[in-house]
Amino acid sequence: MLAGMNPHRIVGGCHCGNISFVFDASAPLEQLGLRACQCTFCRSHGARTTSDPNGTFAITVRDDAKLQRYRFGLNTADFLICRECGAFIGALMEEAGRRFITVNANTFQPPPAYEIPGVAYDFGGENVSGRTARRAARWTPVTEFRI
């Protein structure tokens, strides 16, 4: 294997190509698993998300005007959506000067098979401090965010 190559590297992005990413996971997707958040936003988008606290995530946005950041509920994360094609990329949280993301696996290129279900989770009972602590511990660190 060449130096710097990660066997668990996943690339992806939105449908129109405005938002792209490289997710260097520390383990295969089968081990990381997929989640199906039960909030109305994630359910309406059919999102299956994953994250890796031992991985890294780099995101590139070609045209910032086409990046929609949407917040709701406890307002602890930006849900990243492409204004051009409507793809929901993932949820991004900033905490103590660091960024963390959970990515919508449906935006992987290619996406995992739809026969692989996301495990249902309901985070509705969390408060702000509990939610940010869980995300900082379990979501993937963002090492680069290029606009």
Protein backbone atom coordinates (compact mmCIF):
# COMPACT_ATOMS: atom_id res chain seq x y z
CA MET A 1 0.00 0.00 0.00
CA LEU A 2 1.29 3.48 -0.86
CA ALA A 3 2.15 5.85 1.97
CA GLY A 4 -0.81 7.99 2.93
CA MET A 5 -3.38 5.65 1.39
CA ASN A 6 -6.28 4.70 3.64
CA PRO A 7 -8.11 1.46 2.81
CA HIS A 8 -11.24 2.91 4.44
CA ARG A 9 -11.29 6.17 2.46
CA ILE A 10 -14.75 7.18 1.32
CA VAL A 11 -15.40 9.99 -1.13
CA GLY A 12 -18.72 11.61 -1.78
CA GLY A 13 -20.69 14.75 -2.19
CA CYS A 14 -23.86 16.26 -3.47
CA HIS A 15 -25.49 15.35 -6.78
CA CYS A 16 -24.41 18.49 -8.67
CA GLY A 17 -20.81 18.44 -7.39
CA ASN A 18 -20.88 21.72 -5.49
CA ILE A 19 -20.09 19.98 -2.18
CA SER A 20 -17.54 17.17 -2.03
CA PHE A 21 -15.79 15.37 0.78
CA VAL A 22 -13.16 12.83 1.71
CA PHE A 23 -13.92 10.71 4.77
CA ASP A 24 -10.90 8.79 6.06
CA ALA A 25 -12.41 6.24 8.40
CA SER A 26 -10.39 4.09 10.78
CA ALA A 27 -12.57 1.05 10.13
CA PRO A 28 -14.87 -0.29 7.39
CA LEU A 29 -18.45 0.97 7.19
CA GLU A 30 -19.71 -2.44 8.31
CA GLN A 31 -17.94 -1.88 11.62
CA LEU A 32 -18.88 1.82 11.99
CA GLY A 33 -22.53 1.10 11.23
CA LEU A 34 -25.33 3.28 9.95
CA ARG A 35 -27.77 5.25 12.08
CA ALA A 36 -31.29 6.39 11.28
CA CYS A 37 -31.99 9.42 13.46
CA GLN A 38 -35.70 9.61 14.18
CA CYS A 39 -36.02 13.42 14.07
CA THR A 40 -38.43 14.72 11.45
CA PHE A 41 -35.60 16.26 9.39
CA CYS A 42 -33.57 13.05 9.05
CA ARG A 43 -36.65 10.92 8.51
CA SER A 44 -37.97 13.21 5.76
CA HIS A 45 -34.58 13.00 4.00
CA GLY A 46 -34.23 9.24 4.43
CA ALA A 47 -30.81 9.86 5.97
CA ARG A 48 -28.55 7.03 7.06
CA THR A 49 -25.63 8.59 8.88
CA THR A 50 -22.28 7.41 10.14
CA SER A 51 -19.30 8.87 11.93
CA ASP A 52 -15.90 7.82 13.25
CA PRO A 53 -14.28 9.64 16.18
CA ASN A 54 -10.95 8.10 15.10
CA GLY A 55 -11.31 9.20 11.48
CA THR A 56 -10.99 12.52 9.68
CA PHE A 57 -13.25 14.45 7.35
CA ALA A 58 -12.37 17.07 4.74
CA ILE A 59 -15.10 19.00 2.95
CA THR A 60 -14.88 21.31 -0.06
CA VAL A 61 -17.59 23.74 -1.20
CA ARG A 62 -17.11 25.24 -4.67
CA ASP A 63 -19.79 27.93 -4.39
CA ASP A 64 -20.63 29.05 -0.85
CA ALA A 65 -23.83 30.73 -2.08
CA LYS A 66 -25.17 27.24 -2.88
CA LEU A 67 -24.47 25.90 0.62
CA GLN A 68 -27.53 26.01 2.87
CA ARG A 69 -26.95 25.73 6.62
CA TYR A 70 -30.11 24.79 8.45
CA ARG A 71 -30.58 24.70 12.25
CA PHE A 72 -33.54 23.53 14.26
CA GLY A 73 -34.40 22.07 17.66
CA LEU A 74 -31.59 22.80 20.10
CA ASN A 75 -29.63 24.74 17.41
CA THR A 76 -26.42 22.82 18.11
CA ALA A 77 -25.48 21.84 14.55
CA ASP A 78 -25.67 23.09 10.98
CA PHE A 79 -27.39 20.65 8.66
CA LEU A 80 -25.51 21.07 5.36
CA ILE A 81 -27.70 21.04 2.26
CA CYS A 82 -26.84 21.90 -1.32
CA ARG A 83 -29.16 24.66 -2.59
CA GLU A 84 -28.56 23.53 -6.18
CA CYS A 85 -29.47 19.82 -6.01
CA GLY A 86 -31.02 19.50 -2.54
CA ALA A 87 -28.68 16.82 -1.20
CA PHE A 88 -28.33 16.63 2.60
CA ILE A 89 -24.62 16.04 3.24
CA GLY A 90 -24.52 15.83 7.03
CA ALA A 91 -24.69 17.69 10.31
CA LEU A 92 -21.76 19.84 11.39
CA MET A 93 -21.14 20.96 14.97
CA GLU A 94 -18.54 23.38 16.28
CA GLU A 95 -17.45 22.92 19.90
CA ALA A 96 -14.45 24.44 21.71
CA GLY A 97 -12.87 25.58 18.44
CA ARG A 98 -13.18 22.17 16.75
CA ARG A 99 -15.62 20.89 14.13
CA PHE A 100 -17.32 17.50 14.12
CA ILE A 101 -19.59 15.91 11.52
CA THR A 102 -21.93 13.01 11.04
CA VAL A 103 -22.24 12.29 7.33
CA ASN A 104 -25.23 11.08 5.35
CA ALA A 105 -23.98 7.81 3.84
CA ASN A 106 -26.48 8.23 0.99
CA THR A 107 -24.05 10.88 -0.38
CA PHE A 108 -21.14 8.39 -0.60
CA GLN A 109 -19.97 7.64 -4.14
CA PRO A 110 -21.23 4.96 -4.46
CA PRO A 111 -23.72 4.90 -1.57
CA PRO A 112 -24.05 1.77 0.55
CA ALA A 113 -26.76 -0.63 -0.57
CA TYR A 114 -30.25 0.34 0.57
CA GLU A 115 -30.63 -3.15 2.01
CA ILE A 116 -28.21 -2.02 4.74
CA PRO A 117 -30.57 -0.36 7.21
CA GLY A 118 -29.71 2.37 9.65
CA VAL A 119 -30.24 1.53 13.32
CA ALA A 120 -32.97 3.82 14.65
CA TYR A 121 -31.94 6.33 17.33
CA ASP A 122 -34.04 8.98 19.04
CA PHE A 123 -32.00 11.82 20.54
CA GLY A 124 -35.03 13.97 21.39
CA GLY A 125 -34.55 13.69 25.15
CA GLU A 126 -31.07 15.23 25.18
CA ASN A 127 -30.30 18.69 26.52
CA VAL A 128 -27.69 21.00 24.92
CA SER A 129 -24.74 19.90 27.06
CA GLY A 130 -25.55 16.21 26.67
CA ARG A 131 -25.98 16.51 22.94
CA THR A 132 -22.75 18.43 22.34
CA ALA A 133 -20.79 16.03 24.59
CA ARG A 134 -22.14 12.97 22.72
CA ARG A 135 -21.36 14.48 19.35
CA ALA A 136 -17.84 15.58 20.33
CA ALA A 137 -17.15 12.04 21.53
CA ARG A 138 -18.75 10.13 18.63
CA TRP A 139 -18.73 12.29 15.50
CA THR A 140 -15.86 12.56 13.02
CA PRO A 141 -13.37 15.41 13.49
CA VAL A 142 -13.36 17.82 10.53
CA THR A 143 -9.77 18.55 9.61
CA GLU A 144 -10.49 20.76 6.61
CA PHE A 145 -13.42 22.90 5.46
CA ARG A 146 -12.57 24.64 2.17
CA ILE A 147 -14.86 27.21 0.63
